[in-house]
Amino acid sequence: ALRRVRTLTACSPCSVGGYILDLAVTNFSGLAVFQPVINGVNGNLAAIHASRLSTLFAQRSELGRHPDHDKHHCVDPFTGLCSSNRQARVSQLLLLLSVPGHVLFVLLIFLISDAHVRLTVGLVLSYLAASLVLLTVLLYFARCGAYWMWRRKIDPDNALIPLLTGFGDLCGTGLLLLAFLFLRSVGDPSVVGFVNHHAANGTAT
């Protein structure tokens, strides 16, 4: 029964994220090419962090227990991400490593994709901002979720990673849509290209 609940909980955000994506591509025809990248890369990085925490817990204590010096599962975002403790430093490293990776993926999208969009500084910066916000949320969720689940004798490798994936799909698609809505509001040429191409297709049909 618990496994079914976890499966349904993980699938529900994905379904909502798919609905948001369907709505988004009606206004921004090329947005869909960025969605697998922002969700996939950040979801995998968060899963790596969760798996690393699970391995660390298994090495130092039995399932259901944390050492006295490190047993607080619900920490504030600053402590979880910006402090000098070991877990926060790992999160900081993953955030830094994600930036050049996402820039590379964006460039590859423009090189190999037939998406009708112009590469602009505004598009790259907006995409990176959405990506960093998403990864920050997922890493914090992974940190708190791993501690919370281990304390309750739930293996984070089995239970937390599917939740991170589903939650990441939902938030990533929503943040990507917000980024493109912002670009449209400031008249960025990249998004104007999306809208104009979509409008042209609608007129042609």
C-alpha atoms as a PDB file:
ATOM      1  CA  ALA A   1       0.000   0.000   0.000  1.00  0.00           C
ATOM      2  CA  LEU A   2       2.815   2.405   0.878  1.00  0.00           C
ATOM      3  CA  ARG A   3       4.500   1.700  -2.454  1.00  0.00           C
ATOM      4  CA  ARG A   4       1.297   2.547  -4.316  1.00  0.00           C
ATOM      5  CA  VAL A   5       0.956   5.800  -2.398  1.00  0.00           C
ATOM      6  CA  ARG A   6       4.535   6.745  -3.283  1.00  0.00           C
ATOM      7  CA  THR A   7       3.912   5.935  -6.948  1.00  0.00           C
ATOM      8  CA  LEU A   8       0.739   8.001  -7.090  1.00  0.00           C
ATOM      9  CA  THR A   9       2.419  10.858  -5.251  1.00  0.00           C
ATOM     10  CA  ALA A  10       5.288  10.857  -7.736  1.00  0.00           C
ATOM     11  CA  CYS A  11       3.046  10.593 -10.812  1.00  0.00           C
ATOM     12  CA  SER A  12       0.616  13.344  -9.837  1.00  0.00           C
ATOM     13  CA  PRO A  13       3.108  16.239 -10.198  1.00  0.00           C
ATOM     14  CA  CYS A  14       4.237  14.820 -13.562  1.00  0.00           C
ATOM     15  CA  SER A  15       0.642  14.844 -14.794  1.00  0.00           C
ATOM     16  CA  VAL A  16       0.136  18.443 -13.705  1.00  0.00           C
ATOM     17  CA  GLY A  17       3.463  19.381 -15.268  1.00  0.00           C
ATOM     18  CA  GLY A  18       2.356  17.823 -18.550  1.00  0.00           C
ATOM     19  CA  TYR A  19      -0.829  19.871 -18.462  1.00  0.00           C
ATOM     20  CA  ILE A  20       1.184  23.054 -17.883  1.00  0.00           C
ATOM     21  CA  LEU A  21       3.456  22.125 -20.785  1.00  0.00           C
ATOM     22  CA  ASP A  22       0.469  21.649 -23.093  1.00  0.00           C
ATOM     23  CA  LEU A  23      -0.778  25.111 -22.178  1.00  0.00           C
ATOM     24  CA  ALA A  24       2.681  26.632 -22.587  1.00  0.00           C
ATOM     25  CA  VAL A  25       3.395  25.328 -26.077  1.00  0.00           C
ATOM     26  CA  THR A  26       0.197  26.900 -27.388  1.00  0.00           C
ATOM     27  CA  ASN A  27       1.833  30.295 -26.782  1.00  0.00           C
ATOM     28  CA  PHE A  28       5.517  29.424 -27.127  1.00  0.00           C
ATOM     29  CA  SER A  29       5.925  26.762 -29.786  1.00  0.00           C
ATOM     30  CA  GLY A  30       9.602  26.086 -29.071  1.00  0.00           C
ATOM     31  CA  LEU A  31       9.440  25.981 -25.298  1.00  0.00           C
ATOM     32  CA  ALA A  32       9.135  22.206 -25.334  1.00  0.00           C
ATOM     33  CA  VAL A  33      12.759  21.743 -26.438  1.00  0.00           C
ATOM     34  CA  PHE A  34      14.001  23.299 -23.192  1.00  0.00           C
ATOM     35  CA  GLN A  35      11.699  21.359 -20.873  1.00  0.00           C
ATOM     36  CA  PRO A  36      13.530  17.992 -20.932  1.00  0.00           C
ATOM     37  CA  VAL A  37      16.847  19.739 -20.260  1.00  0.00           C
ATOM     38  CA  ILE A  38      15.816  21.878 -17.303  1.00  0.00           C
ATOM     39  CA  ASN A  39      13.866  19.027 -15.721  1.00  0.00           C
ATOM     40  CA  GLY A  40      16.243  16.208 -16.593  1.00  0.00           C
ATOM     41  CA  VAL A  41      19.531  17.815 -15.587  1.00  0.00           C
ATOM     42  CA  ASN A  42      18.261  19.319 -12.346  1.00  0.00           C
ATOM     43  CA  GLY A  43      16.277  16.224 -11.431  1.00  0.00           C
ATOM     44  CA  ASN A  44      19.358  14.051 -11.903  1.00  0.00           C
ATOM     45  CA  LEU A  45      21.540  16.367  -9.809  1.00  0.00           C
ATOM     46  CA  ALA A  46      18.995  16.338  -6.999  1.00  0.00           C
ATOM     47  CA  ALA A  47      18.734  12.548  -7.249  1.00  0.00           C
ATOM     48  CA  ILE A  48      22.523  12.281  -6.980  1.00  0.00           C
ATOM     49  CA  HIS A  49      22.423  14.404  -3.831  1.00  0.00           C
ATOM     50  CA  ALA A  50      19.641  12.288  -2.330  1.00  0.00           C
ATOM     51  CA  SER A  51      21.462   9.045  -3.176  1.00  0.00           C
ATOM     52  CA  ARG A  52      24.674  10.407  -1.695  1.00  0.00           C
ATOM     53  CA  LEU A  53      22.870  11.262   1.548  1.00  0.00           C
ATOM     54  CA  SER A  54      21.311   7.808   1.663  1.00  0.00           C
ATOM     55  CA  THR A  55      24.742   6.203   1.269  1.00  0.00           C
ATOM     56  CA  LEU A  56      26.175   8.452   3.979  1.00  0.00           C
ATOM     57  CA  PHE A  57      23.397   7.516   6.388  1.00  0.00           C
ATOM     58  CA  ALA A  58      23.901   3.807   5.724  1.00  0.00           C
ATOM     59  CA  GLN A  59      27.618   4.098   6.470  1.00  0.00           C
ATOM     60  CA  ARG A  60      27.260   5.886   9.779  1.00  0.00           C
ATOM     61  CA  SER A  61      24.093   4.507  11.389  1.00  0.00           C
ATOM     62  CA  GLU A  62      21.274   2.029  11.021  1.00  0.00           C
ATOM     63  CA  LEU A  63      18.010   2.824   9.267  1.00  0.00           C
ATOM     64  CA  GLY A  64      15.823   4.898  11.560  1.00  0.00           C
ATOM     65  CA  ARG A  65      18.599   6.650  13.486  1.00  0.00           C
ATOM     66  CA  HIS A  66      20.851   9.684  13.052  1.00  0.00           C
ATOM     67  CA  PRO A  67      23.928  10.580  15.110  1.00  0.00           C
ATOM     68  CA  ASP A  68      23.226  13.054  17.895  1.00  0.00           C
ATOM     69  CA  HIS A  69      25.366  15.733  16.250  1.00  0.00           C
ATOM     70  CA  ASP A  70      23.434  15.543  12.972  1.00  0.00           C
ATOM     71  CA  LYS A  71      19.823  14.596  13.526  1.00  0.00           C
ATOM     72  CA  HIS A  72      17.856  17.712  12.576  1.00  0.00           C
ATOM     73  CA  HIS A  73      16.041  16.880   9.359  1.00  0.00           C
ATOM     74  CA  CYS A  74      14.122  20.145   8.997  1.00  0.00           C
ATOM     75  CA  VAL A  75      16.666  22.954   8.750  1.00  0.00           C
ATOM     76  CA  ASP A  76      16.119  26.427   7.367  1.00  0.00           C
ATOM     77  CA  PRO A  77      17.105  27.057   3.722  1.00  0.00           C
ATOM     78  CA  PHE A  78      20.167  29.103   4.713  1.00  0.00           C
ATOM     79  CA  THR A  79      21.572  26.298   6.870  1.00  0.00           C
ATOM     80  CA  GLY A  80      20.691  23.689   4.281  1.00  0.00           C
ATOM     81  CA  LEU A  81      22.207  25.511   1.311  1.00  0.00           C
ATOM     82  CA  CYS A  82      24.370  28.480   2.289  1.00  0.00           C
ATOM     83  CA  SER A  83      26.214  27.475   5.460  1.00  0.00           C
ATOM     84  CA  SER A  84      29.671  25.917   5.715  1.00  0.00           C
ATOM     85  CA  ASN A  85      28.560  22.416   6.730  1.00  0.00           C
ATOM     86  CA  ARG A  86      29.330  19.453   4.519  1.00  0.00           C
ATOM     87  CA  GLN A  87      25.860  18.955   3.058  1.00  0.00           C
ATOM     88  CA  ALA A  88      25.490  22.642   2.192  1.00  0.00           C
ATOM     89  CA  ARG A  89      28.877  22.662   0.457  1.00  0.00           C
ATOM     90  CA  VAL A  90      27.834  19.743  -1.712  1.00  0.00           C
ATOM     91  CA  SER A  91      24.688  21.636  -2.688  1.00  0.00           C
ATOM     92  CA  GLN A  92      26.753  24.719  -3.509  1.00  0.00           C
ATOM     93  CA  LEU A  93      29.080  22.650  -5.674  1.00  0.00           C
ATOM     94  CA  LEU A  94      26.178  21.106  -7.587  1.00  0.00           C
ATOM     95  CA  LEU A  95      24.677  24.553  -8.170  1.00  0.00           C
ATOM     96  CA  LEU A  96      27.974  25.866  -9.533  1.00  0.00           C
ATOM     97  CA  LEU A  97      28.519  22.843 -11.765  1.00  0.00           C
ATOM     98  CA  SER A  98      25.036  23.157 -13.219  1.00  0.00           C
ATOM     99  CA  VAL A  99      25.672  26.597 -14.747  1.00  0.00           C
ATOM    100  CA  PRO A 100      28.249  25.655 -17.431  1.00  0.00           C
ATOM    101  CA  GLY A 101      26.336  22.457 -18.088  1.00  0.00           C
ATOM    102  CA  HIS A 102      23.099  24.295 -18.782  1.00  0.00           C
ATOM    103  CA  VAL A 103      24.868  26.876 -20.962  1.00  0.00           C
ATOM    104  CA  LEU A 104      26.329  24.038 -23.015  1.00  0.00           C
ATOM    105  CA  PHE A 105      22.941  22.357 -23.382  1.00  0.00           C
ATOM    106  CA  VAL A 106      21.298  25.625 -24.467  1.00  0.00           C
ATOM    107  CA  LEU A 107      23.950  26.112 -27.143  1.00  0.00           C
ATOM    108  CA  LEU A 108      23.471  22.534 -28.336  1.00  0.00           C
ATOM    109  CA  ILE A 109      19.719  23.104 -28.554  1.00  0.00           C
ATOM    110  CA  PHE A 110      20.255  26.012 -30.919  1.00  0.00           C
ATOM    111  CA  LEU A 111      22.780  24.066 -32.979  1.00  0.00           C
ATOM    112  CA  ILE A 112      20.829  20.847 -33.511  1.00  0.00           C
ATOM    113  CA  SER A 113      17.206  21.833 -32.941  1.00  0.00           C
ATOM    114  CA  ASP A 114      14.822  23.251 -35.540  1.00  0.00           C
ATOM    115  CA  ALA A 115      13.114  25.419 -32.903  1.00  0.00           C
ATOM    116  CA  HIS A 116      12.248  28.807 -34.355  1.00  0.00           C
ATOM    117  CA  VAL A 117      13.930  31.019 -31.785  1.00  0.00           C
ATOM    118  CA  ARG A 118      16.736  33.539 -31.603  1.00  0.00           C
ATOM    119  CA  LEU A 119      19.559  33.066 -29.140  1.00  0.00           C
ATOM    120  CA  THR A 120      19.692  36.151 -26.932  1.00  0.00           C
ATOM    121  CA  VAL A 121      21.385  37.073 -23.694  1.00  0.00           C
ATOM    122  CA  GLY A 122      17.970  37.565 -22.121  1.00  0.00           C
ATOM    123  CA  LEU A 123      16.883  34.045 -23.025  1.00  0.00           C
ATOM    124  CA  VAL A 124      20.049  32.451 -21.651  1.00  0.00           C
ATOM    125  CA  LEU A 125      19.925  34.456 -18.411  1.00  0.00           C
ATOM    126  CA  SER A 126      16.212  33.808 -17.882  1.00  0.00           C
ATOM    127  CA  TYR A 127      16.688  30.096 -18.515  1.00  0.00           C
ATOM    128  CA  LEU A 128      19.633  29.963 -16.101  1.00  0.00           C
ATOM    129  CA  ALA A 129      17.659  31.843 -13.450  1.00  0.00           C
ATOM    130  CA  ALA A 130      14.753  29.399 -13.734  1.00  0.00           C
ATOM    131  CA  SER A 131      17.168  26.469 -13.650  1.00  0.00           C
ATOM    132  CA  LEU A 132      19.016  27.693 -10.559  1.00  0.00           C
ATOM    133  CA  VAL A 133      15.778  28.357  -8.699  1.00  0.00           C
ATOM    134  CA  LEU A 134      14.566  24.859  -9.558  1.00  0.00           C
ATOM    135  CA  LEU A 135      17.812  23.172  -8.539  1.00  0.00           C
ATOM    136  CA  THR A 136      17.956  25.150  -5.286  1.00  0.00           C
ATOM    137  CA  VAL A 137      14.452  24.012  -4.363  1.00  0.00           C
ATOM    138  CA  LEU A 138      15.166  20.399  -5.313  1.00  0.00           C
ATOM    139  CA  LEU A 139      18.445  20.249  -3.380  1.00  0.00           C
ATOM    140  CA  TYR A 140      16.770  21.640  -0.277  1.00  0.00           C
ATOM    141  CA  PHE A 141      13.899  19.199  -0.703  1.00  0.00           C
ATOM    142  CA  ALA A 142      16.409  16.350  -1.151  1.00  0.00           C
ATOM    143  CA  ARG A 143      18.306  17.324   1.993  1.00  0.00           C
ATOM    144  CA  CYS A 144      15.255  17.614   4.244  1.00  0.00           C
ATOM    145  CA  GLY A 145      13.457  14.676   2.658  1.00  0.00           C
ATOM    146  CA  ALA A 146      16.412  12.309   3.001  1.00  0.00           C
ATOM    147  CA  TYR A 147      16.857  13.090   6.693  1.00  0.00           C
ATOM    148  CA  TRP A 148      13.123  12.857   7.355  1.00  0.00           C
ATOM    149  CA  MET A 149      12.675   9.531   5.540  1.00  0.00           C
ATOM    150  CA  TRP A 150      15.729   7.875   7.071  1.00  0.00           C
ATOM    151  CA  ARG A 151      14.526   8.800  10.555  1.00  0.00           C
ATOM    152  CA  ARG A 152      11.222   7.050   9.778  1.00  0.00           C
ATOM    153  CA  LYS A 153      12.935   3.921   8.414  1.00  0.00           C
ATOM    154  CA  ILE A 154      12.169   4.745   4.786  1.00  0.00           C
ATOM    155  CA  ASP A 155      14.997   4.259   2.295  1.00  0.00           C
ATOM    156  CA  PRO A 156      15.474   7.593   0.444  1.00  0.00           C
ATOM    157  CA  ASP A 157      16.884   5.784  -2.592  1.00  0.00           C
ATOM    158  CA  ASN A 158      13.550   4.059  -3.154  1.00  0.00           C
ATOM    159  CA  ALA A 159      11.103   6.687  -1.926  1.00  0.00           C
ATOM    160  CA  LEU A 160      12.647  10.128  -2.334  1.00  0.00           C
ATOM    161  CA  ILE A 161      14.116  10.033  -5.840  1.00  0.00           C
ATOM    162  CA  PRO A 162      10.754   9.409  -7.596  1.00  0.00           C
ATOM    163  CA  LEU A 163       9.270  12.295  -5.606  1.00  0.00           C
ATOM    164  CA  LEU A 164      12.132  14.564  -6.636  1.00  0.00           C
ATOM    165  CA  THR A 165      11.611  13.631 -10.271  1.00  0.00           C
ATOM    166  CA  GLY A 166       7.882  14.299 -10.208  1.00  0.00           C
ATOM    167  CA  PHE A 167       8.175  17.500  -8.198  1.00  0.00           C
ATOM    168  CA  GLY A 168      11.001  18.660 -10.465  1.00  0.00           C
ATOM    169  CA  ASP A 169       8.924  18.106 -13.593  1.00  0.00           C
ATOM    170  CA  LEU A 170       6.102  20.195 -12.176  1.00  0.00           C
ATOM    171  CA  CYS A 171       8.217  23.062 -10.856  1.00  0.00           C
ATOM    172  CA  GLY A 172      10.613  23.045 -13.799  1.00  0.00           C
ATOM    173  CA  THR A 173       7.856  23.357 -16.373  1.00  0.00           C
ATOM    174  CA  GLY A 174       6.171  26.094 -14.354  1.00  0.00           C
ATOM    175  CA  LEU A 175       9.393  28.064 -13.898  1.00  0.00           C
ATOM    176  CA  LEU A 176      10.239  27.708 -17.578  1.00  0.00           C
ATOM    177  CA  LEU A 177       6.834  29.090 -18.504  1.00  0.00           C
ATOM    178  CA  LEU A 178       7.322  32.012 -16.104  1.00  0.00           C
ATOM    179  CA  ALA A 179      10.707  32.730 -17.691  1.00  0.00           C
ATOM    180  CA  PHE A 180       9.188  32.890 -21.164  1.00  0.00           C
ATOM    181  CA  LEU A 181       6.288  35.012 -19.965  1.00  0.00           C
ATOM    182  CA  PHE A 182       8.818  37.439 -18.498  1.00  0.00           C
ATOM    183  CA  LEU A 183      10.753  37.531 -21.765  1.00  0.00           C
ATOM    184  CA  ARG A 184       7.574  38.266 -23.664  1.00  0.00           C
ATOM    185  CA  SER A 185       6.671  41.062 -21.247  1.00  0.00           C
ATOM    186  CA  VAL A 186      10.003  42.813 -21.912  1.00  0.00           C
ATOM    187  CA  GLY A 187       9.818  42.189 -25.657  1.00  0.00           C
ATOM    188  CA  ASP A 188      12.833  39.921 -25.920  1.00  0.00           C
ATOM    189  CA  PRO A 189      13.423  38.943 -29.592  1.00  0.00           C
ATOM    190  CA  SER A 190      13.799  35.258 -28.739  1.00  0.00           C
ATOM    191  CA  VAL A 191      10.253  34.927 -27.433  1.00  0.00           C
ATOM    192  CA  VAL A 192       8.863  37.209 -30.140  1.00  0.00           C
ATOM    193  CA  GLY A 193      10.226  34.635 -32.568  1.00  0.00           C
ATOM    194  CA  PHE A 194       8.325  31.875 -30.783  1.00  0.00           C
ATOM    195  CA  VAL A 195       5.074  33.815 -30.792  1.00  0.00           C
ATOM    196  CA  ASN A 196       5.369  35.019 -34.382  1.00  0.00           C
ATOM    197  CA  HIS A 197       6.116  31.520 -35.664  1.00  0.00           C
ATOM    198  CA  HIS A 198       3.162  30.097 -33.766  1.00  0.00           C
ATOM    199  CA  ALA A 199       0.888  32.844 -35.081  1.00  0.00           C
ATOM    200  CA  ALA A 200       2.096  32.255 -38.625  1.00  0.00           C
ATOM    201  CA  ASN A 201       1.317  28.565 -38.364  1.00  0.00           C
ATOM    202  CA  GLY A 202      -2.135  29.364 -37.045  1.00  0.00           C
ATOM    203  CA  THR A 203      -2.782  31.738 -39.949  1.00  0.00           C
ATOM    204  CA  ALA A 204      -1.549  29.211 -42.484  1.00  0.00           C
ATOM    205  CA  THR A 205      -3.891  26.536 -41.197  1.00  0.00           C
END
